[in-house]
């Protein structure tokens, strides 16, 4: 098979070893095709970088950001999206499920939330041990944590470990986890939002006993408490400290758990295990014949690109915003369902277009949408505000009187407040990428 991987090079080596042609594409310098900028059309990439040959399937890896390549929503090549950071971006990933053909989700607890918005089939595929490591027979460290401890990024984590180190011996480090975990008796895992993160698998592959937060999210479906790992209640410093002290004074028990955890990872949770599943999926995935909200879903992605690029490059942000409005226009023309959540996204696309470009195309599109969806209050407020912005007070009054016949001025004020809040909320930066490993 010819498989294109977007955003990350995960599984590339394993798929090539299996005899498949693989090309990695994206903004990262480690990829085969390094894109000079976002918003390059997939047709251009195929023509200029793949000798005009279309892959059999696109596997789009989550990189905690909107998809930077455009045109995927229009083409007939099957697409699989792997959501890793649903705990940060499940709204965006749900909307991408309207566009792509199959969804893999690393965070099991978020599948029900994503199913409410996604039209594509969803399947749980956990993370894995990101590299193979041999444990060191002689341990230099007791209990360790390797990861970000920047207060501005994760104040609760910092508070937890500040309290923990007063009650139990803990060594802190950042950087090359494989050099530390392999020499440690215990690895402490603390999550961002109860995510099943890479650190779970990385600790085990290194032959350290994992002490991790007690969560659902599939953790105890993969591993057995007390056999493969040990858990503590999230945020419970006393329980974590007590277990650190106990297992450091009962090292034979700790090493038995560590060995069992490592064997479990070796049997089921290496990258090759996930790559094998990817291959089987790539062989059977097909383009969905019905994607009832594909353009509105893509509109959401382009909105996300717009807000990110506004802080980086005004020209690119304007281009992303144009793509968002075109997707909104296409979805409306196609008669795609516009539920309440998509109305929020639609109004943002239209209002931000008129604000960024100093035009009225967004207002005109909202007026067309209001004729089709007259029960959408947010859509009506967007039209009122847009009309007022261009001095069409009487026209705005007619629209507002539907909501409040006696006091349309109240609707005027409400429209301004609601739309300004919507635009300001969307232009706040999205959650940054969580610590990996």
Protein backbone atom coordinates (compact mmCIF):
# COMPACT_ATOMS: atom_id res chain seq x y z
CA UNK A 1 0.00 0.00 0.00
CA UNK A 2 0.94 3.63 -0.45
CA UNK A 3 0.24 5.43 2.84
CA UNK A 4 0.66 9.14 3.53
CA UNK A 5 1.19 10.21 7.15
CA UNK A 6 0.38 13.82 8.00
CA UNK A 7 1.83 15.81 10.94
CA UNK A 8 3.90 13.06 12.61
CA UNK A 9 6.15 10.20 11.52
CA UNK A 10 4.58 7.70 13.93
CA UNK A 11 4.55 4.16 12.43
CA UNK A 12 6.52 5.21 9.32
CA UNK A 13 9.49 2.94 10.05
CA UNK A 14 7.30 -0.02 10.99
CA UNK A 15 5.05 0.35 7.93
CA UNK A 16 8.05 0.55 5.62
CA UNK A 17 9.51 -2.55 7.22
CA UNK A 18 6.26 -4.28 6.32
CA UNK A 19 6.83 -3.53 2.66
CA UNK A 20 4.57 -0.49 2.33
CA UNK A 21 5.42 2.77 0.64
CA UNK A 22 5.18 5.57 3.20
CA UNK A 23 5.64 9.32 2.91
CA UNK A 24 5.42 11.72 5.86
CA UNK A 25 4.09 15.23 5.26
CA UNK A 26 3.75 18.33 7.41
CA UNK A 27 5.47 21.32 8.96
CA UNK A 28 7.95 19.32 11.06
CA UNK A 29 11.56 19.32 9.93
CA UNK A 30 11.83 15.56 10.53
CA UNK A 31 9.25 14.71 7.84
CA UNK A 32 9.85 13.59 4.25
CA UNK A 33 7.84 16.44 2.74
CA UNK A 34 8.40 19.59 4.77
CA UNK A 35 5.70 22.12 3.92
CA UNK A 36 6.93 25.73 3.74
CA UNK A 37 3.70 27.05 5.28
CA UNK A 38 0.18 26.02 6.31
CA UNK A 39 -2.80 26.08 3.92
CA UNK A 40 -1.13 24.33 1.00
CA UNK A 41 -3.72 22.39 -1.00
CA UNK A 42 -3.38 18.63 -1.02
CA UNK A 43 -3.56 18.63 -4.83
CA UNK A 44 -0.42 20.77 -4.94
CA UNK A 45 1.39 18.47 -2.53
CA UNK A 46 0.52 15.38 -4.56
CA UNK A 47 1.51 17.02 -7.84
CA UNK A 48 4.78 18.58 -6.68
CA UNK A 49 5.98 16.14 -4.02
CA UNK A 50 4.41 12.75 -4.83
CA UNK A 51 4.87 12.78 -8.61
CA UNK A 52 1.13 13.09 -9.05
CA UNK A 53 0.44 9.72 -7.41
CA UNK A 54 -2.32 9.70 -4.84
CA UNK A 55 -1.84 7.53 -1.74
CA UNK A 56 -4.22 4.68 -1.01
CA UNK A 57 -4.99 6.24 2.35
CA UNK A 58 -4.14 9.33 4.40
CA UNK A 59 -3.41 8.78 8.11
CA UNK A 60 -3.64 12.14 9.82
CA UNK A 61 -1.91 12.25 13.20
CA UNK A 62 -3.05 14.63 15.90
CA UNK A 63 -0.44 17.29 16.71
CA UNK A 64 -2.66 19.24 19.12
CA UNK A 65 -3.53 21.77 16.42
CA UNK A 66 -6.00 22.15 13.54
CA UNK A 67 -5.14 20.37 10.28
CA UNK A 68 -2.82 22.65 8.30
CA UNK A 69 -3.32 21.07 4.85
CA UNK A 70 -6.43 22.09 2.89
CA UNK A 71 -8.47 20.15 0.35
CA UNK A 72 -8.70 16.82 2.17
CA UNK A 73 -12.45 17.33 2.62
CA UNK A 74 -12.89 17.40 -1.16
CA UNK A 75 -10.92 14.33 -2.27
CA UNK A 76 -11.93 10.69 -2.55
CA UNK A 77 -8.88 9.13 -0.87
CA UNK A 78 -9.89 7.43 2.43
CA UNK A 79 -8.79 9.31 5.56
CA UNK A 80 -8.09 8.14 9.11
CA UNK A 81 -7.57 10.61 11.95
CA UNK A 82 -5.75 9.60 15.14
CA UNK A 83 -6.87 11.75 18.07
CA UNK A 84 -4.32 11.79 20.88
CA UNK A 85 -5.21 14.98 22.73
CA UNK A 86 -8.99 14.68 22.89
CA UNK A 87 -8.74 15.75 26.53
CA UNK A 88 -7.70 19.16 25.20
CA UNK A 89 -9.46 19.36 21.83
CA UNK A 90 -12.45 17.01 21.73
CA UNK A 91 -14.65 19.71 20.17
CA UNK A 92 -12.29 20.15 17.22
CA UNK A 93 -11.75 16.41 16.90
CA UNK A 94 -15.50 15.79 16.92
CA UNK A 95 -15.82 18.21 14.02
CA UNK A 96 -12.98 16.49 12.18
CA UNK A 97 -15.05 13.34 12.56
CA UNK A 98 -17.57 15.00 10.25
CA UNK A 99 -14.85 15.26 7.58
CA UNK A 100 -12.71 12.14 7.80
CA UNK A 101 -13.69 8.52 7.25
CA UNK A 102 -12.47 6.81 10.41
CA UNK A 103 -11.37 8.00 13.84
CA UNK A 104 -8.89 6.42 16.24
CA UNK A 105 -9.00 7.88 19.75
CA UNK A 106 -6.26 7.47 22.36
CA UNK A 107 -8.36 8.79 25.28
CA UNK A 108 -11.21 6.33 25.78
CA UNK A 109 -13.23 8.47 28.19
CA UNK A 110 -13.68 11.10 25.49
CA UNK A 111 -15.21 8.81 22.88
CA UNK A 112 -18.82 9.42 24.09
CA UNK A 113 -18.27 13.20 23.90
CA UNK A 114 -16.79 12.93 20.43
CA UNK A 115 -19.54 10.63 19.20
CA UNK A 116 -22.09 13.37 19.78
CA UNK A 117 -20.47 15.48 17.07
CA UNK A 118 -18.62 12.99 14.89
CA UNK A 119 -20.25 11.21 11.95
CA UNK A 120 -17.33 8.80 11.43
CA UNK A 121 -16.86 5.44 13.18
CA UNK A 122 -14.67 5.81 16.29
CA UNK A 123 -12.34 3.25 17.85
CA UNK A 124 -10.12 3.29 20.91
CA UNK A 125 -6.42 2.88 20.17
CA UNK A 126 -4.25 3.67 23.22
CA UNK A 127 -0.75 5.10 23.06
CA UNK A 128 2.33 2.88 23.38
CA UNK A 129 5.91 2.72 24.60
CA UNK A 130 7.45 5.30 22.31
CA UNK A 131 10.85 3.59 22.23
CA UNK A 132 12.40 0.31 23.32
CA UNK A 133 14.54 0.55 26.46
CA UNK A 134 16.44 -2.10 28.39
CA UNK A 135 16.22 -1.69 32.18
CA UNK A 136 19.44 -1.09 34.07
CA UNK A 137 20.11 -3.87 36.61
CA UNK A 138 21.49 -1.39 39.13
CA UNK A 139 19.12 1.39 40.14
CA UNK A 140 20.47 4.88 40.86
CA UNK A 141 17.15 6.51 41.71
CA UNK A 142 14.24 5.74 43.99
CA UNK A 143 11.03 7.52 42.98
CA UNK A 144 11.28 9.92 40.02
CA UNK A 145 9.19 12.22 37.91
CA UNK A 146 10.32 13.31 34.45
CA UNK A 147 8.18 15.96 32.77
CA UNK A 148 7.26 19.62 32.65
CA UNK A 149 7.11 21.42 35.97
CA UNK A 150 6.43 24.93 34.69
CA UNK A 151 4.00 26.62 37.03
CA UNK A 152 2.47 28.75 34.29
CA UNK A 153 1.58 25.64 32.26
CA UNK A 154 0.41 23.31 35.01
CA UNK A 155 0.16 24.93 38.45
CA UNK A 156 -1.71 21.99 40.01
CA UNK A 157 1.09 19.62 39.04
CA UNK A 158 3.69 21.88 40.59
CA UNK A 159 1.64 22.21 43.78
CA UNK A 160 1.23 18.43 43.97
CA UNK A 161 4.94 17.70 43.67
CA UNK A 162 5.94 20.52 46.02
CA UNK A 163 3.74 18.92 48.66
CA UNK A 164 4.84 15.38 47.77
CA UNK A 165 8.57 15.97 48.13
CA UNK A 166 7.98 17.11 51.71
CA UNK A 167 6.56 13.69 52.55
CA UNK A 168 8.54 11.26 50.40
CA UNK A 169 11.89 11.23 48.57
CA UNK A 170 11.32 12.22 44.92
CA UNK A 171 13.82 13.04 42.18
CA UNK A 172 12.73 15.50 39.46
CA UNK A 173 14.12 15.83 35.95
CA UNK A 174 13.20 16.98 32.45
CA UNK A 175 14.38 15.69 29.09
CA UNK A 176 15.57 12.17 28.27
CA UNK A 177 13.19 10.01 30.30
CA UNK A 178 14.76 6.76 29.01
CA UNK A 179 18.05 7.59 30.75
CA UNK A 180 16.27 8.11 34.06
CA UNK A 181 13.39 5.62 34.11
CA UNK A 182 15.65 2.67 33.29
CA UNK A 183 17.69 3.44 36.44
CA UNK A 184 14.68 4.05 38.72
CA UNK A 185 12.69 1.89 41.11
CA UNK A 186 9.48 3.93 40.81
CA UNK A 187 8.18 6.33 38.16
CA UNK A 188 5.45 8.70 39.30
CA UNK A 189 2.88 9.69 36.70
CA UNK A 190 0.71 12.77 37.02
CA UNK A 191 -1.70 13.63 34.23
CA UNK A 192 -3.06 16.87 32.81
CA UNK A 193 -6.73 15.87 32.54
CA UNK A 194 -6.73 12.19 33.56
CA UNK A 195 -5.31 11.31 30.15
CA UNK A 196 -3.77 7.92 29.46
CA UNK A 197 -0.42 9.38 28.47
CA UNK A 198 2.84 8.13 27.00
CA UNK A 199 4.51 8.14 30.42
CA UNK A 200 2.39 5.15 31.51
CA UNK A 201 3.91 2.93 28.82
CA UNK A 202 7.38 4.50 28.95
CA UNK A 203 7.78 3.83 32.67
CA UNK A 204 6.84 0.20 32.23
CA UNK A 205 9.09 -0.49 29.23
CA UNK A 206 12.01 0.79 31.31
CA UNK A 207 11.36 -1.77 34.05
CA UNK A 208 10.33 0.74 36.71
CA UNK A 209 7.27 0.34 38.89
CA UNK A 210 4.62 2.77 37.68
CA UNK A 211 2.81 4.78 40.36
CA UNK A 212 0.05 6.58 38.50
CA UNK A 213 -3.22 8.34 39.15
CA UNK A 214 -6.25 6.11 39.55
CA UNK A 215 -8.37 6.92 36.53
CA UNK A 216 -10.81 5.32 34.16
CA UNK A 217 -9.95 6.14 30.54
CA UNK A 218 -9.11 2.49 29.88
CA UNK A 219 -6.11 2.32 32.22
CA UNK A 220 -7.37 -0.62 34.26
CA UNK A 221 -8.66 -2.36 31.15
CA UNK A 222 -5.07 -2.53 29.87
CA UNK A 223 -3.31 -3.18 33.18
CA UNK A 224 -4.18 -4.81 36.48
CA UNK A 225 -3.90 -2.82 39.68
CA UNK A 226 -1.28 -4.28 42.03
CA UNK A 227 0.06 -6.61 39.34
CA UNK A 228 1.27 -4.35 36.54
CA UNK A 229 1.13 -0.98 38.28
CA UNK A 230 0.16 0.83 41.47
CA UNK A 231 -2.29 3.74 41.64
CA UNK A 232 -3.13 6.67 43.88
CA UNK A 233 -6.11 9.03 43.95
CA UNK A 234 -5.54 12.08 41.76
CA UNK A 235 -4.19 14.92 43.89
CA UNK A 236 -3.92 12.78 47.03
CA UNK A 237 -0.45 13.62 48.25
CA UNK A 238 -0.68 11.49 51.38
CA UNK A 239 -1.63 8.33 49.50
CA UNK A 240 1.09 8.84 46.89
CA UNK A 241 3.71 9.51 49.56
CA UNK A 242 2.65 6.48 51.59
CA UNK A 243 3.00 4.18 48.56
CA UNK A 244 6.37 5.63 47.62
CA UNK A 245 7.69 5.03 51.12
CA UNK A 246 6.20 1.52 51.23
CA UNK A 247 7.59 0.30 47.91
CA UNK A 248 11.00 1.87 48.46
CA UNK A 249 11.24 -0.16 51.65
CA UNK A 250 9.82 -3.29 49.92
CA UNK A 251 11.85 -3.25 46.75
CA UNK A 252 11.30 -6.90 45.90
CA UNK A 253 7.55 -6.22 45.65
CA UNK A 254 8.16 -3.09 43.59
CA UNK A 255 10.44 -4.93 41.17
CA UNK A 256 7.95 -7.79 40.76
CA UNK A 257 5.28 -5.30 39.72
CA UNK A 258 7.77 -3.49 37.48
CA UNK A 259 8.74 -6.74 35.75
CA UNK A 260 5.11 -7.73 35.20
CA UNK A 261 4.32 -4.30 33.79
CA UNK A 262 7.24 -4.47 31.41
CA UNK A 263 6.22 -7.92 30.18
CA UNK A 264 2.68 -6.67 29.54
CA UNK A 265 3.99 -3.77 27.46
CA UNK A 266 6.33 -6.06 25.52
CA UNK A 267 3.41 -8.36 24.75
CA UNK A 268 0.79 -5.77 23.76
CA UNK A 269 1.88 -2.13 23.81
CA UNK A 270 4.89 -1.56 21.58
CA UNK A 271 4.71 0.67 18.51
CA UNK A 272 4.76 -2.46 16.33
CA UNK A 273 1.50 -3.61 17.91
CA UNK A 274 -0.17 -0.32 16.97
CA UNK A 275 1.42 -0.36 13.50
CA UNK A 276 0.01 -3.85 12.87
CA UNK A 277 -3.46 -2.56 13.70
CA UNK A 278 -2.95 0.48 11.48
CA UNK A 279 -2.10 -1.74 8.51
CA UNK A 280 -5.24 -3.82 8.93
CA UNK A 281 -7.31 -0.68 9.21
CA UNK A 282 -5.73 0.92 6.15
CA UNK A 283 -6.56 -2.19 4.13
CA UNK A 284 -10.26 -2.07 4.96
CA UNK A 285 -11.09 1.63 5.37
CA UNK A 286 -13.25 3.09 2.61
CA UNK A 287 -14.42 6.55 1.71
CA UNK A 288 -17.72 7.16 3.45
CA UNK A 289 -20.47 7.59 0.89
CA UNK A 290 -22.44 9.85 3.22
CA UNK A 291 -20.76 12.68 5.07
CA UNK A 292 -23.73 14.93 5.88
CA UNK A 293 -21.73 17.67 7.63
CA UNK A 294 -18.31 17.52 6.00
CA UNK A 295 -18.11 21.19 4.98
CA UNK A 296 -19.37 22.50 8.31
CA UNK A 297 -16.86 20.20 10.02
CA UNK A 298 -14.07 21.60 7.86
CA UNK A 299 -15.28 25.12 8.63
CA UNK A 300 -14.57 24.41 12.30
CA UNK A 301 -11.02 23.31 11.50
CA UNK A 302 -10.40 26.47 9.43
CA UNK A 303 -11.73 28.61 12.27
CA UNK A 304 -9.14 27.01 14.53
CA UNK A 305 -6.42 27.73 11.99
CA UNK A 306 -7.56 31.34 11.77
CA UNK A 307 -7.32 31.94 15.51
CA UNK A 308 -3.88 30.34 15.76
CA UNK A 309 -2.45 32.12 12.75
CA UNK A 310 -3.69 35.53 13.90
CA UNK A 311 -0.89 35.44 16.47
CA UNK A 312 1.71 34.39 13.91
CA UNK A 313 0.99 35.70 10.41
CA UNK A 314 -1.84 38.06 9.43
CA UNK A 315 -1.72 37.07 5.75
CA UNK A 316 -2.05 33.37 6.50
CA UNK A 317 -4.76 34.07 9.06
CA UNK A 318 -6.78 35.90 6.41
CA UNK A 319 -6.34 32.97 4.02
CA UNK A 320 -7.51 30.51 6.68
CA UNK A 321 -10.51 32.72 7.35
CA UNK A 322 -11.39 32.69 3.64
CA UNK A 323 -11.27 28.89 3.70
CA UNK A 324 -13.60 28.90 6.72
CA UNK A 325 -16.14 31.12 4.95
CA UNK A 326 -15.97 29.04 1.77
CA UNK A 327 -16.62 25.90 3.79
CA UNK A 328 -19.55 27.62 5.52
CA UNK A 329 -20.93 28.67 2.14
CA UNK A 330 -20.50 25.15 0.72
CA UNK A 331 -22.20 23.56 3.73
CA UNK A 332 -25.11 25.96 3.50
CA UNK A 333 -25.51 25.43 -0.25
CA UNK A 334 -25.42 21.67 0.29
CA UNK A 335 -28.13 21.88 2.93
CA UNK A 336 -26.00 20.42 5.70
CA UNK A 337 -27.67 20.24 9.13
CA UNK A 338 -26.86 23.25 11.31
CA UNK A 339 -27.33 22.29 14.94
CA UNK A 340 -26.70 24.63 17.86
CA UNK A 341 -23.01 23.82 18.19
CA UNK A 342 -22.38 24.25 14.48
CA UNK A 343 -24.34 27.51 14.56
CA UNK A 344 -21.77 28.84 17.01
CA UNK A 345 -18.98 27.84 14.60
CA UNK A 346 -20.87 29.21 11.58
CA UNK A 347 -21.51 32.61 13.16
CA UNK A 348 -17.89 32.87 14.25
CA UNK A 349 -16.70 32.15 10.69
CA UNK A 350 -18.99 34.81 9.24
CA UNK A 351 -18.44 37.52 11.84
CA UNK A 352 -14.69 37.03 11.94
CA UNK A 353 -14.55 37.23 8.14
CA UNK A 354 -16.28 40.61 8.10
CA UNK A 355 -14.08 41.88 10.93
CA UNK A 356 -10.79 40.65 9.46
CA UNK A 357 -11.50 41.60 5.84
CA UNK A 358 -13.72 44.65 6.43
CA UNK A 359 -16.36 43.12 4.17
CA UNK A 360 -20.01 42.08 4.42
CA UNK A 361 -19.85 38.62 2.82
CA UNK A 362 -20.21 37.05 6.26
CA UNK A 363 -23.33 39.07 7.01
CA UNK A 364 -24.85 38.09 3.68
CA UNK A 365 -24.17 34.43 4.36
CA UNK A 366 -25.75 34.68 7.82
CA UNK A 367 -28.82 36.28 6.25
CA UNK A 368 -29.10 33.37 3.84
CA UNK A 369 -28.68 30.91 6.70
CA UNK A 370 -31.33 32.68 8.78
CA UNK A 371 -33.85 32.11 5.99
CA UNK A 372 -33.15 28.36 6.17
CA UNK A 373 -32.76 28.16 9.96
CA UNK A 374 -35.04 30.88 11.42
CA UNK A 375 -35.08 29.21 14.87
CA UNK A 376 -31.34 29.76 15.47
CA UNK A 377 -31.21 32.63 17.98
CA UNK A 378 -27.43 33.06 17.72
CA UNK A 379 -27.72 33.34 13.96
CA UNK A 380 -30.35 36.06 14.36
CA UNK A 381 -28.13 37.97 16.79
CA UNK A 382 -25.24 37.73 14.33
CA UNK A 383 -27.38 39.24 11.58
CA UNK A 384 -28.60 42.03 13.87
CA UNK A 385 -25.10 42.92 14.89
CA UNK A 386 -23.85 42.78 11.30
CA UNK A 387 -26.62 45.07 10.07
CA UNK A 388 -25.94 47.57 12.84
CA UNK A 389 -22.24 47.56 11.98
CA UNK A 390 -23.01 48.76 8.44
CA UNK A 391 -25.59 51.33 9.54
CA UNK A 392 -28.69 49.39 8.47
CA UNK A 393 -30.58 50.16 11.68
CA UNK A 394 -34.12 49.70 10.40
CA UNK A 395 -33.31 46.37 8.84
CA UNK A 396 -31.70 45.31 12.13
CA UNK A 397 -34.80 46.48 13.99
CA UNK A 398 -37.05 44.23 11.89
CA UNK A 399 -34.91 41.21 12.67
CA UNK A 400 -34.69 42.13 16.38
CA UNK A 401 -38.45 42.62 16.69
CA UNK A 402 -38.97 38.93 16.04
CA UNK A 403 -37.19 38.30 19.36
CA UNK A 404 -38.52 41.31 21.29
CA UNK A 405 -41.27 43.27 19.49
CA UNK A 406 -41.59 45.93 22.19
CA UNK A 407 -37.92 46.61 22.96
CA UNK A 408 -35.68 45.75 19.99
CA UNK A 409 -32.95 47.95 21.47
CA UNK A 410 -32.48 45.29 24.13
CA UNK A 411 -31.74 42.83 21.34
CA UNK A 412 -29.31 45.36 19.83
CA UNK A 413 -27.30 45.44 23.06
CA UNK A 414 -27.56 41.71 23.52
CA UNK A 415 -26.35 41.04 19.97
CA UNK A 416 -23.27 43.22 20.49
CA UNK A 417 -22.42 41.60 23.81
CA UNK A 418 -22.94 38.03 22.63
CA UNK A 419 -21.02 38.35 19.35
CA UNK A 420 -18.13 40.23 20.95
CA UNK A 421 -17.86 37.52 23.62
CA UNK A 422 -18.02 34.82 20.94
CA UNK A 423 -15.23 36.41 18.92
CA UNK A 424 -13.07 37.10 21.96
CA UNK A 425 -13.54 33.57 23.31
CA UNK A 426 -12.55 32.02 20.00
CA UNK A 427 -9.50 34.23 19.56
CA UNK A 428 -8.06 33.22 22.91
CA UNK A 429 -5.21 30.73 22.37
CA UNK A 430 -6.21 27.07 22.42
CA UNK A 431 -4.72 24.82 25.05
CA UNK A 432 -1.08 24.27 24.16
CA UNK A 433 0.22 20.81 23.47
CA UNK A 434 0.35 18.79 26.69
CA UNK A 435 3.66 17.39 27.86
CA UNK A 436 4.49 14.19 26.00
CA UNK A 437 6.33 11.47 27.84
